[in-house]
Protein backbone atom coordinates (compact mmCIF):
# COMPACT_ATOMS: atom_id res chain seq x y z
CA MET A 1 108.39 112.84 145.63
CA ARG A 2 109.62 110.66 142.77
CA ASN A 3 108.76 107.53 144.73
CA LEU A 4 105.31 108.89 145.67
CA SER A 5 104.48 109.73 142.05
CA TRP A 6 105.56 106.25 141.02
CA ILE A 7 103.27 104.66 143.61
CA VAL A 8 100.31 106.71 142.36
CA LEU A 9 101.01 105.86 138.73
CA SER A 10 101.48 102.18 139.47
CA LEU A 11 98.09 102.05 141.17
CA LEU A 12 96.44 103.77 138.21
CA LEU A 13 98.09 101.54 135.62
CA ALA A 14 98.12 98.19 137.36
CA GLY A 15 94.83 97.16 135.76
CA SER A 16 96.06 97.71 132.21
CA ALA A 17 98.25 94.62 131.93
CA VAL A 18 97.80 92.77 128.67
CA PRO A 19 96.48 89.19 129.04
CA ALA A 20 98.27 86.15 127.72
CA ARG A 21 98.22 86.01 123.95
CA ALA A 22 97.31 83.36 121.43
CA ALA A 23 99.84 81.94 118.98
CA GLU A 24 101.00 84.43 116.37
CA THR A 25 99.61 84.02 112.86
CA VAL A 26 99.07 86.75 110.29
CA PRO A 27 95.38 87.66 109.77
CA TRP A 28 95.62 88.42 106.05
CA GLY A 29 95.54 86.32 102.90
CA PRO A 30 97.44 86.56 99.59
CA ASN A 31 97.55 89.73 97.50
CA LEU A 32 94.59 89.95 95.10
CA PHE A 33 95.61 93.22 93.44
CA PRO A 34 96.72 92.78 89.80
CA ASN A 35 99.73 94.71 88.55
CA GLY A 36 100.20 96.27 91.97
CA SER A 37 103.88 97.10 91.38
CA MET A 38 103.36 98.17 87.76
CA GLU A 39 104.90 95.02 86.32
CA GLN A 40 102.94 95.16 83.03
CA VAL A 41 102.53 98.22 80.80
CA ASP A 42 100.71 98.84 77.53
CA ALA A 43 102.15 100.20 74.26
CA ALA A 44 101.95 103.79 75.60
CA GLY A 45 103.90 102.89 78.71
CA VAL A 46 100.88 103.13 81.03
CA PRO A 47 100.55 100.29 83.59
CA THR A 48 97.87 97.84 82.52
CA GLY A 49 94.45 98.69 83.91
CA TRP A 50 95.35 102.20 85.12
CA LYS A 51 93.83 105.31 83.56
CA LEU A 52 93.77 109.08 83.87
CA GLU A 53 90.41 110.84 83.46
CA PRO A 54 88.98 113.26 82.80
CA ASP A 55 91.85 115.32 81.38
CA PRO A 56 90.49 117.12 78.29
CA ALA A 57 93.26 119.73 78.47
CA ARG A 58 95.90 117.00 78.49
CA ALA A 59 97.55 118.68 81.46
CA TYR A 60 99.07 115.52 82.88
CA THR A 61 100.83 112.44 81.56
CA LEU A 62 100.44 109.00 83.12
CA THR A 63 103.32 106.58 82.65
CA THR A 64 105.88 104.65 84.72
CA SER A 65 109.23 105.67 86.12
CA PRO A 66 112.20 103.64 87.40
CA GLU A 67 113.54 106.70 89.24
CA ALA A 68 112.72 107.65 92.85
CA CYS A 69 110.39 104.65 93.17
CA ALA A 70 109.48 102.43 96.07
CA GLY A 71 110.09 99.30 94.01
CA ALA A 72 111.62 98.55 90.63
CA ARG A 73 109.27 101.05 88.99
CA CYS A 74 106.18 103.00 89.91
CA LEU A 75 103.17 104.72 88.39
CA PHE A 76 104.15 108.31 87.59
CA MET A 77 101.77 111.21 86.95
CA SER A 78 103.55 114.39 85.84
CA LEU A 79 102.45 117.86 84.76
CA ASN A 80 103.06 118.64 81.11
CA PRO A 81 105.11 121.79 80.28
CA GLY A 82 102.94 124.91 80.20
CA ALA A 83 99.81 123.13 81.45
CA ASN A 84 97.49 124.43 84.17
CA PRO A 85 98.48 122.69 87.42
CA ASP A 86 94.97 123.18 88.85
CA THR A 87 93.36 120.94 86.24
CA HIS A 88 91.04 118.50 87.99
CA VAL A 89 91.97 114.90 87.22
CA GLN A 90 91.34 111.42 88.56
CA VAL A 91 93.80 108.54 88.54
CA GLU A 92 91.90 105.25 88.59
CA SER A 93 93.25 101.81 89.40
CA PRO A 94 92.30 98.50 87.82
CA VAL A 95 89.07 97.01 89.14
CA VAL A 96 89.68 94.06 91.45
CA ALA A 97 87.01 91.38 91.80
CA THR A 98 86.49 90.25 95.40
CA PRO A 99 85.62 86.55 95.44
CA GLU A 100 83.41 86.68 98.54
CA PRO A 101 81.96 89.11 101.08
CA GLY A 102 84.07 89.93 104.12
CA TRP A 103 86.66 92.34 105.46
CA TYR A 104 89.48 93.47 103.18
CA LEU A 105 92.73 95.33 103.77
CA LEU A 106 93.88 97.70 101.01
CA ASN A 107 97.34 99.27 101.25
CA PHE A 108 99.71 101.12 98.94
CA TRP A 109 102.57 103.65 98.82
CA PHE A 110 102.47 107.19 97.46
CA ARG A 111 104.83 110.13 97.00
CA PHE A 112 104.24 113.75 96.02
CA ASP A 113 106.89 116.16 94.78
CA PHE A 114 105.92 119.78 95.35
CA THR A 115 107.04 123.21 96.46
CA ASP A 116 105.93 124.73 99.75
CA ALA A 117 103.86 127.26 97.82
CA ARG A 118 101.81 124.51 96.15
CA LYS A 119 101.11 121.68 98.58
CA PRO A 120 99.12 118.62 97.47
CA TYR A 121 95.69 117.25 98.30
CA PRO A 122 96.37 113.60 99.20
CA LEU A 123 92.80 112.36 98.81
CA PHE A 124 91.75 108.95 97.61
CA ALA A 125 88.51 107.03 97.42
CA CYS A 126 87.75 103.35 97.65
CA ASP A 127 85.18 102.57 94.95
CA ARG A 128 82.86 99.59 95.21
CA TYR A 129 80.93 97.94 92.39
CA ALA A 130 78.00 95.57 92.16
CA GLN A 131 79.57 93.47 89.40
CA PRO A 132 82.98 91.75 89.22
CA ASP A 133 83.77 93.58 85.94
CA GLY A 134 83.52 97.01 87.57
CA THR A 135 80.08 98.06 86.35
CA GLN A 136 77.33 99.65 88.45
CA ARG A 137 79.41 101.72 90.86
CA LEU A 138 78.10 101.73 94.44
CA PRO A 139 78.64 104.45 97.05
CA GLY A 140 82.29 104.59 98.10
CA PHE A 141 84.11 106.47 100.81
CA SER A 142 87.06 108.84 100.84
CA PRO A 143 89.25 108.74 103.94
CA ASN A 144 91.57 111.74 104.14
CA LEU A 145 94.46 110.17 105.99
CA PHE A 146 97.19 112.77 105.44
CA ARG A 147 97.08 116.51 105.84
CA ALA A 148 99.20 118.51 103.43
CA SER A 149 100.87 120.24 106.38
CA ASP A 150 102.12 116.84 107.62
CA MET A 151 103.74 115.84 104.34
CA ARG A 152 107.26 116.33 103.07
CA SER A 153 108.01 116.63 99.39
CA GLY A 154 109.85 113.67 97.92
CA GLN A 155 109.12 111.24 100.78
CA TRP A 156 107.29 107.96 100.35
CA TYR A 157 104.37 107.17 102.69
CA TYR A 158 102.25 104.07 103.06
CA THR A 159 98.60 104.00 103.96
CA TYR A 160 96.04 101.28 104.48
CA LEU A 161 92.28 101.01 104.65
CA ILE A 162 90.15 98.21 106.10
CA PHE A 163 86.62 97.99 104.71
CA ARG A 164 83.81 95.47 104.43
CA GLN A 165 82.51 94.00 101.20
CA ARG A 166 78.87 93.08 101.71
CA PRO A 167 76.79 90.65 99.64
CA GLY A 168 76.03 92.19 96.27
CA GLN A 169 79.33 94.09 96.09
CA GLY A 170 81.52 92.29 93.60
CA ALA A 171 84.59 94.48 92.95
CA VAL A 172 86.64 97.36 94.31
CA GLY A 173 88.94 100.02 92.90
CA VAL A 174 90.99 103.01 94.02
CA ARG A 175 90.57 106.56 92.76
CA PHE A 176 92.88 109.52 93.44
CA ASP A 177 90.65 112.52 93.17
CA GLY A 178 91.34 116.26 93.01
CA ALA A 179 93.54 118.98 91.54
CA HIS A 180 97.12 117.97 92.21
CA ASN A 181 98.47 121.52 92.25
CA GLY A 182 101.38 121.02 89.89
CA GLN A 183 103.40 118.38 91.74
CA SER A 184 104.13 114.93 90.42
CA LEU A 185 102.51 111.89 91.98
CA ARG A 186 104.01 108.42 92.31
CA LEU A 187 102.07 105.29 93.33
CA ASP A 188 103.43 101.82 94.03
CA ALA A 189 103.06 98.47 95.81
CA PHE A 190 99.27 98.10 95.83
CA GLN A 191 97.85 95.21 97.80
CA LEU A 192 94.34 93.94 98.47
CA ARG A 193 94.14 91.13 101.00
CA ARG A 194 91.21 89.46 102.68
CA LEU A 195 91.34 89.93 106.43
CA THR A 196 90.66 86.94 108.64
CA VAL A 197 89.09 87.96 111.93
CA PRO A 198 89.38 85.15 114.52
CA GLU A 199 86.72 84.04 116.95
CA GLN A 200 85.83 86.45 119.75
CA LEU A 201 87.94 86.24 122.89
CA PRO A 202 86.42 86.26 126.40
CA ALA A 203 84.60 89.46 127.28
CA THR A 204 87.25 90.34 129.88
CA ASP A 205 89.89 90.95 127.21
CA TYR A 206 88.94 94.45 126.15
CA ASN A 207 89.29 98.13 126.95
CA ARG A 208 86.02 99.95 127.54
CA ILE A 209 86.22 103.47 126.12
CA THR A 210 83.66 106.00 127.30
CA ASP A 211 85.54 109.23 126.63
CA GLY A 212 83.69 112.43 125.95
CA VAL A 213 82.07 113.05 122.58
CA TRP A 214 81.43 116.17 120.53
CA GLY A 215 78.17 117.73 119.44
CA ALA A 216 75.83 115.43 121.37
CA THR A 217 73.00 116.04 123.81
CA THR A 218 73.16 114.05 127.04
CA VAL A 219 69.83 112.34 127.66
CA PRO A 220 68.44 109.96 130.31
CA ASP A 221 68.65 106.32 129.23
CA ALA A 222 67.90 103.51 131.65
CA ALA A 223 69.76 100.94 129.48
CA SER A 224 73.06 102.89 129.51
CA PRO A 225 75.78 102.82 132.16
CA GLY A 226 75.02 105.54 134.68
CA GLY A 227 71.58 106.00 133.15
CA ARG A 228 72.79 108.54 130.54
CA ALA A 229 73.56 108.37 126.82
CA SER A 230 74.80 110.72 124.08
CA GLU A 231 72.09 111.52 121.53
CA TYR A 232 72.40 112.96 117.99
CA GLN A 233 69.03 114.18 116.82
CA GLU A 234 68.11 115.09 113.25
CA GLY A 235 67.18 118.77 113.04
CA ARG A 236 68.72 119.59 116.42
CA ASN A 237 72.39 118.59 116.61
CA THR A 238 74.77 119.90 113.97
CA GLU A 239 78.14 118.23 114.59
CA SER A 240 78.93 115.37 112.20
CA GLY A 241 82.35 114.33 113.52
CA ILE A 242 82.37 112.79 116.97
CA MET A 243 85.53 111.79 118.86
CA THR A 244 85.46 108.95 121.37
CA GLY A 245 89.08 108.46 122.32
CA VAL A 246 92.80 108.36 121.63
CA ARG A 247 95.08 105.63 123.01
CA GLN A 248 98.78 104.77 122.95
CA SER A 249 98.93 101.88 125.41
CA GLU A 250 97.75 98.95 123.28
CA VAL A 251 100.31 96.47 122.00
CA PRO A 252 100.46 95.84 118.24
CA GLY A 253 97.84 93.42 117.03
CA LEU A 254 94.43 92.89 115.49
CA TYR A 255 91.56 94.35 117.50
CA VAL A 256 87.82 94.59 117.01
CA GLY A 257 86.00 97.78 117.91
CA VAL A 258 82.47 97.11 119.16
CA TYR A 259 80.21 100.17 119.14
CA ASP A 260 76.92 100.43 121.06
CA PHE A 261 74.28 102.36 119.13
CA GLU A 262 70.52 102.82 119.35
CA GLN A 263 68.44 104.03 116.44
CA VAL A 264 65.79 106.24 118.02
CA ALA A 265 64.29 107.40 114.72
CA ARG A 266 65.24 106.33 111.22
CA GLY A 267 64.81 109.78 109.67
CA GLY A 268 65.57 110.78 106.10
CA GLU A 269 66.96 108.55 103.42
CA GLY A 270 70.72 108.48 102.77
CA ASP A 271 73.60 106.17 102.06
CA TRP A 272 74.34 105.69 105.76
CA GLY A 273 73.28 106.91 109.18
CA LEU A 274 76.48 106.31 111.15
CA GLN A 275 80.03 105.38 110.25
CA MET A 276 82.54 103.57 112.47
CA ASP A 277 86.04 104.97 112.22
CA LEU A 278 89.18 103.48 113.79
CA ALA A 279 92.56 104.91 112.81
CA SER A 280 96.23 104.64 113.74
CA GLY A 281 99.45 106.46 112.95
CA SER A 282 103.04 105.26 113.08
CA GLY A 283 105.01 108.35 112.12
CA ASP A 284 105.68 107.13 108.57
CA GLY A 285 102.28 105.86 107.61
CA THR A 286 98.71 105.70 108.73
CA GLY A 287 95.71 103.41 108.48
CA GLN A 288 92.01 103.39 109.02
CA THR A 289 88.95 101.16 109.25
CA LEU A 290 85.74 102.61 107.86
CA ASP A 291 82.38 100.91 107.80
CA PRO A 292 79.11 102.76 107.16
CA ILE A 293 76.01 101.62 109.03
CA ALA A 294 72.84 102.07 107.00
CA PRO A 295 69.51 102.79 108.75
CA SER A 296 68.29 99.42 107.53
CA ASP A 297 71.13 97.65 109.39
CA PHE A 298 69.26 98.19 112.66
CA ARG A 299 66.79 95.49 113.55
CA ALA A 300 64.29 97.86 115.13
CA ALA A 301 64.18 101.38 116.51
CA GLY A 302 64.51 101.68 120.28
CA ASP A 303 66.87 98.72 120.89
CA TRP A 304 70.56 99.01 121.72
CA GLU A 305 72.64 97.08 119.21
CA GLN A 306 76.33 96.31 118.79
CA PHE A 307 78.28 96.86 115.55
CA SER A 308 81.79 95.49 115.11
CA ALA A 309 84.73 96.49 112.93
CA PRO A 310 88.28 95.03 112.93
CA PHE A 311 91.18 97.36 113.55
CA LEU A 312 94.83 96.70 112.72
CA TYR A 313 97.13 98.37 115.25
CA ALA A 314 100.20 97.68 113.14
CA PHE A 315 102.76 99.67 115.13
CA SER A 316 102.43 101.24 118.58
CA GLY A 317 102.28 104.82 117.39
CA GLY A 318 98.90 105.84 118.79
CA SER A 319 95.34 105.11 117.74
CA TYR A 320 92.16 107.12 117.33
CA TYR A 321 88.60 105.86 117.67
CA SER A 322 85.59 107.80 116.53
CA PHE A 323 82.34 107.62 114.62
CA SER A 324 80.54 110.06 112.39
CA TRP A 325 76.85 110.80 111.88
CA SER A 326 75.25 111.84 108.61
CA LYS A 327 72.80 114.21 110.40
CA LEU A 328 69.97 111.98 109.19
CA GLY A 329 67.90 110.14 111.76
CA THR A 330 68.34 110.19 115.53
CA TYR A 331 70.88 107.92 117.22
CA ARG A 332 72.27 107.31 120.68
CA PHE A 333 75.77 106.19 121.63
CA ARG A 334 76.88 104.74 124.95
CA GLY A 335 80.46 103.50 124.46
CA LEU A 336 83.03 101.51 122.54
CA SER A 337 84.75 98.26 123.50
CA LEU A 338 88.14 97.64 121.91
CA LYS A 339 88.67 93.88 122.02
CA TYR A 340 92.07 92.31 121.50
CA MET A 341 92.03 89.44 119.00
CA MET A 342 95.58 88.37 118.14
CA PRO A 343 99.18 89.65 118.12
CA VAL A 344 100.80 91.18 115.06
CA THR A 345 104.50 91.95 115.47
CA TYR A 346 106.43 94.81 113.89
CA ARG A 347 108.17 92.24 111.71
CA GLN A 348 104.87 90.91 110.37
CA SER A 349 103.48 94.39 109.72
CA TRP A 350 106.72 95.45 108.06
CA SER A 351 106.56 92.38 105.79
CA LEU A 352 103.01 93.37 104.83
CA PHE A 353 103.44 97.09 104.17
CA TYR A 354 106.91 96.79 102.63
CA ASP A 355 106.00 93.89 100.34
CA GLY A 356 107.41 94.82 96.92
CA VAL A 357 109.18 97.88 98.35
CA ASP A 358 112.92 98.48 98.55
CA ALA A 359 113.37 99.88 102.06
CA ASP A 360 116.62 101.61 101.08
CA ARG A 361 114.62 103.72 98.61
CA VAL A 362 111.86 104.82 100.96
CA VAL A 363 113.42 104.98 104.43
CA PRO A 364 114.67 108.51 105.32
CA ARG A 365 117.90 108.81 107.27
CA GLY A 366 119.22 111.51 109.57
CA ALA A 367 122.65 113.13 109.55
CA PRO A 368 125.61 110.83 110.32
CA LEU A 369 126.41 110.48 114.03
CA ALA A 370 129.55 112.43 114.94
CA THR A 371 130.38 110.30 118.03
CA PRO A 372 130.76 106.55 118.65
CA VAL A 373 127.68 106.43 120.92
CA TRP A 374 124.09 107.61 120.61
CA LEU A 375 122.34 108.00 123.98
CA ALA A 376 118.55 108.36 124.01
CA ALA A 377 117.78 109.51 127.54
CA GLY A 378 114.35 109.22 129.14
CA LEU A 379 112.79 109.52 132.58
CA HIS A 380 115.18 108.87 135.51
CA SER A 381 118.05 108.03 133.13
CA ASP A 382 120.43 110.34 135.00
CA LEU A 383 120.30 108.05 138.05
CA TYR A 384 122.10 105.19 136.29
CA GLY A 385 125.54 106.82 136.07
CA LEU A 386 125.59 106.69 132.28
CA ASP A 387 127.91 109.66 131.83
CA GLN A 388 130.41 108.23 134.30
CA ALA A 389 130.31 104.79 132.63
CA LEU A 390 130.87 106.27 129.17
CA ALA A 391 133.69 108.45 130.48
CA ALA A 392 135.36 105.37 131.96
CA LEU A 393 135.32 103.82 128.49
CA SER A 394 136.50 107.02 126.74
CA LEU A 395 133.45 106.82 124.47
CA PRO A 396 132.01 110.25 123.57
CA ALA A 397 128.22 110.25 123.15
CA THR A 398 125.61 112.29 121.34
CA ARG A 399 122.64 112.72 123.66
CA SER A 400 118.98 113.02 122.65
CA ASP A 401 116.50 113.71 125.46
CA TYR A 402 113.07 112.17 125.18
CA VAL A 403 110.30 114.73 125.66
CA SER A 404 106.94 113.18 126.45
CA GLY A 405 104.54 113.54 123.54
CA LYS A 406 107.19 114.71 121.08
CA GLY A 407 109.29 111.57 120.66
CA LEU A 408 112.76 111.16 119.19
CA LEU A 409 111.73 111.37 115.55
CA PRO A 410 113.64 114.59 114.69
CA THR A 411 116.85 113.55 116.42
CA MET A 412 117.72 109.94 115.54
CA PRO A 413 120.96 110.11 113.56
CA ASP A 414 122.42 107.89 110.85
CA LEU A 415 124.14 105.14 112.85
CA SER A 416 126.41 103.81 110.10
CA ALA A 417 129.58 105.06 111.88
CA ALA A 418 128.41 104.34 115.46
CA ARG A 419 129.53 101.57 117.79
CA LEU A 420 126.87 101.67 120.49
CA VAL A 421 123.29 102.84 121.09
CA VAL A 422 121.97 103.25 124.64
CA LEU A 423 118.20 103.55 125.15
CA ALA A 424 117.93 104.76 128.73
CA GLY A 425 114.28 104.84 129.78
CA ALA A 426 113.13 106.22 126.42
CA PRO A 427 109.93 104.41 125.37
CA ALA A 428 110.04 102.18 122.31
CA ARG A 429 107.18 104.15 120.77
CA ALA A 430 109.45 107.22 120.71
CA LEU A 431 111.20 105.47 117.81
CA SER A 432 109.09 105.12 114.68
CA PRO A 433 108.94 101.72 112.92
CA VAL A 434 111.42 103.06 110.36
CA GLN A 435 113.84 104.15 113.09
CA GLN A 436 113.52 100.81 114.84
CA TYR A 437 114.16 99.07 111.51
CA LEU A 438 117.35 101.09 111.01
CA LEU A 439 118.40 100.33 114.58
CA GLU A 440 117.74 96.62 113.94
CA ARG A 441 119.97 96.73 110.87
CA PHE A 442 122.67 98.53 112.84
CA VAL A 443 122.74 95.78 115.49
CA GLU A 444 122.39 92.93 113.01
CA GLN A 445 125.44 94.20 111.13
CA GLY A 446 127.59 94.33 114.29
CA GLY A 447 126.54 97.31 116.40
CA GLY A 448 125.93 97.27 120.13
CA LEU A 449 122.69 98.07 121.98
CA VAL A 450 122.04 98.61 125.69
CA ILE A 451 118.41 98.94 126.84
CA LEU A 452 117.65 100.34 130.28
CA GLY A 453 114.14 100.37 131.72
CA GLY A 454 112.05 102.58 133.92
CA LEU A 455 108.51 103.85 134.18
CA THR A 456 108.15 104.38 130.41
CA GLY A 457 110.54 101.61 129.37
CA TYR A 458 109.96 98.09 128.10
CA GLY A 459 106.29 97.02 128.16
CA TYR A 460 104.55 100.28 128.99
CA GLY A 461 106.78 102.07 126.50
CA GLY A 462 105.38 100.00 123.62
CA MET A 463 108.22 97.50 123.28
CA LYS A 464 105.96 94.43 123.08
CA GLY A 465 105.96 93.03 119.53
CA SER A 466 108.44 95.66 118.30
CA PHE A 467 111.82 95.32 116.58
CA LEU A 468 113.36 96.20 119.96
CA GLU A 469 111.81 93.14 121.57
CA GLU A 470 112.94 91.05 118.61
CA MET A 471 116.56 92.12 119.22
CA ALA A 472 116.49 91.94 123.02
CA PRO A 473 117.66 88.77 124.82
CA VAL A 474 114.42 88.91 126.85
CA ALA A 475 110.75 88.50 125.97
CA LEU A 476 108.12 90.74 127.52
CA THR A 477 105.23 89.29 129.48
CA SER A 478 102.69 92.11 129.27
CA GLY A 479 102.03 95.71 128.32
CA PHE A 480 102.62 97.08 131.81
CA ASP A 481 105.34 94.83 133.23
CA LEU A 482 106.87 96.58 136.26
CA ALA A 483 106.71 94.52 139.46
CA ARG A 484 108.29 94.60 142.91
CA VAL A 485 111.41 92.52 143.42
CA PRO A 486 111.00 90.28 146.51
CA GLU A 487 112.92 91.73 149.45
CA PRO A 488 115.73 92.18 150.16
CA GLY A 489 116.22 92.53 146.38
CA THR A 490 119.99 92.10 146.48
CA VAL A 491 121.60 92.53 143.05
CA THR A 492 124.04 89.67 142.58
CA LEU A 493 126.41 89.35 139.61
CA ALA A 494 127.31 86.06 137.97
CA ASN A 495 130.64 86.03 139.86
CA GLY A 496 128.87 86.39 143.21
CA GLN A 497 129.61 90.09 143.74
CA THR A 498 126.71 92.12 145.16
CA LEU A 499 125.85 95.67 144.09
CA GLY A 500 123.16 96.79 146.52
CA GLN A 501 119.39 96.42 146.25
CA CYS A 502 116.73 96.72 143.54
CA ALA A 503 113.08 97.41 144.45
CA TRP A 504 111.35 97.34 141.04
CA ALA A 505 112.14 95.48 137.81
CA HIS A 506 110.44 94.62 134.54
CA GLN A 507 108.92 91.14 134.39
CA VAL A 508 110.59 89.33 131.49
CA THR A 509 111.54 85.84 130.42
CA VAL A 510 115.05 85.05 129.22
CA LYS A 511 115.19 83.97 125.58
CA ALA A 512 117.14 80.92 124.44
CA GLY A 513 120.78 81.95 124.14
CA GLY A 514 120.43 84.77 126.65
CA THR A 515 122.85 84.95 129.59
CA VAL A 516 121.84 86.31 133.00
CA ALA A 517 124.62 88.65 134.16
CA ALA A 518 122.85 89.82 137.32
CA ARG A 519 119.84 88.65 139.28
CA SER A 520 118.00 88.97 142.56
CA GLY A 521 117.05 85.50 143.67
CA LYS A 522 115.24 84.07 140.63
CA VAL A 523 114.51 87.49 139.11
CA PRO A 524 116.79 88.35 136.16
CA LEU A 525 118.05 91.94 136.31
CA ILE A 526 120.69 92.10 133.53
CA VAL A 527 120.55 89.78 130.52
CA THR A 528 122.97 89.72 127.58
CA GLY A 529 122.70 88.14 124.16
CA THR A 530 123.62 88.39 120.49
CA TYR A 531 121.54 89.46 117.49
CA GLY A 532 123.07 88.82 114.09
CA LYS A 533 126.65 90.08 114.36
CA GLY A 534 125.74 92.51 117.14
CA ARG A 535 125.41 92.36 120.91
CA VAL A 536 122.49 93.46 123.10
CA VAL A 537 122.29 94.11 126.86
CA ALA A 538 118.89 94.30 128.57
CA VAL A 539 118.96 96.01 131.98
CA VAL A 540 115.52 95.31 133.43
CA ALA A 541 116.40 96.53 136.94
CA THR A 542 115.09 100.07 137.49
CA ALA A 543 116.01 103.04 139.66
CA LEU A 544 112.49 103.17 141.11
CA GLY A 545 111.38 102.93 144.70
CA THR A 546 113.47 103.52 147.84
CA PRO A 547 115.48 100.41 148.75
CA THR A 548 117.68 100.68 151.83
CA ASP A 549 120.87 100.28 149.76
CA PRO A 550 120.04 101.28 146.13
CA PHE A 551 122.25 99.56 143.57
CA TRP A 552 122.38 102.61 141.28
CA ALA A 553 124.16 104.66 143.96
CA LYS A 554 127.11 102.23 144.15
CA PRO A 555 130.45 102.99 142.42
CA ALA A 556 130.61 99.26 141.59
CA TRP A 557 127.40 99.68 139.56
CA VAL A 558 129.03 102.29 137.33
CA MET A 559 131.88 99.87 136.61
CA GLN A 560 129.43 97.03 135.91
CA LEU A 561 127.47 99.24 133.49
CA ALA A 562 130.75 100.27 131.82
CA ASN A 563 131.71 96.62 131.44
CA GLN A 564 128.37 95.81 129.79
CA MET A 565 128.76 98.77 127.42
CA ARG A 566 132.33 97.70 126.60
CA TRP A 567 131.11 94.19 125.75
CA ALA A 568 128.23 95.48 123.60
CA ALA A 569 130.47 97.96 121.75
CA LYS A 570 133.21 95.32 121.30
CA LYS A 571 135.72 97.75 122.79
């Protein structure tokens, strides 16, 4: 049954391989935000350019703090003793002139301190102005990227927003709006960078998303695939939020979402008719692209038109694509194309979002590991003889089982006292960017890491572009990288010993400095290497399929796995 399910899944997923990628370059320019890490303050101790208004009751104080900050110091809004915590206030940033129209990426860090009885409202708005000096405010937008129920008191979070500055919009600002319910608010590490979107890639390099939508009426449309389209009609349909899809299979990178819309009737006047919305989450932060489409942006009613918006999939933590309708006018929708533009690795995204931030101040850690080994066990991991190999080494392990859809976030321990980590079929996306960063530091400082594959391992598990791939002695070739090993698939060690047969393995290339410890013909199956002071073993052979003499059933395999663990753990 296991083999049959694998065959079915492989047929379904075979078309999702990621094409060859262009050379890696970051798509953002230098930081344009002044005083983003609160370097300058005025005589009252308030960071230059920041202000608190309106606050006629003087309920809050705005100043800086060197304590519990993301960087050297941060903006600090605190409730004054005896003041009403429900006082409505706004914290406004300096106004930043944008030198030219185009796409911009705004990101920053924030932290609330609160009690469970009084949770915060983490709302902010991106304000746009017609003049470079911040006069003549234009309509802005307020993405609500965090729910209070998702937040933990005292933890730092990052967020980013991609938006377009059109001709005639000369400056931007940030406004934190709402009653803060008595908790303190800290803000730090503001950045505003112009986003460079490269030339379009061939039309074959995209995912076509035609998932179901909410609140629409299905109507005949000869120009749409299948002759049907989703229509939102003023005065008839009432839903304003429309979902088009959720994905977790893309590799990190810069994408462009291309929406197909038709304006059937322009309808009433408003700031916008539709709004494109592309969002992602990584477990420790979240981001979004918002771009309103005004009725006047359509060339003519009755024609299908395409509208594009860039989307940064910074970390492979899942992404969400939607659009919203203002209930003005009548529009039709027939699909979204998500086009891949260029790679962005975890390292590059980390350098962007953590610019000016001390990771040791903002990265949460679990409880210290009580054993020398942490084993993260995923699908089919029990077939590899891990328990027997660890027992042969007399290395006790703490086991965390990966549960699909829930990840390993609650269970990753503090690895400071560990010797070895074994990721056995657990997908890379089960570890948040922060957890992967901590694992990277563990290995760099001398720890050992063994990575075993499987159906949700390596490429399809989100390893491409991640810290895990950076540490591994192999480079991934695609998103879905499992392939048959040419028969007979004999597993041969470097000393000539054979261990049985392997039917399926991950397609990888061996990095410079990597050593092939086992292969089948020209296919590498076990590769070892070093990373910093640590050692890493990549087992790309899998316990999938039904070879005549499966390698994973051999006692000699258990001893080989134990030897690789011993080498990685320096035991």
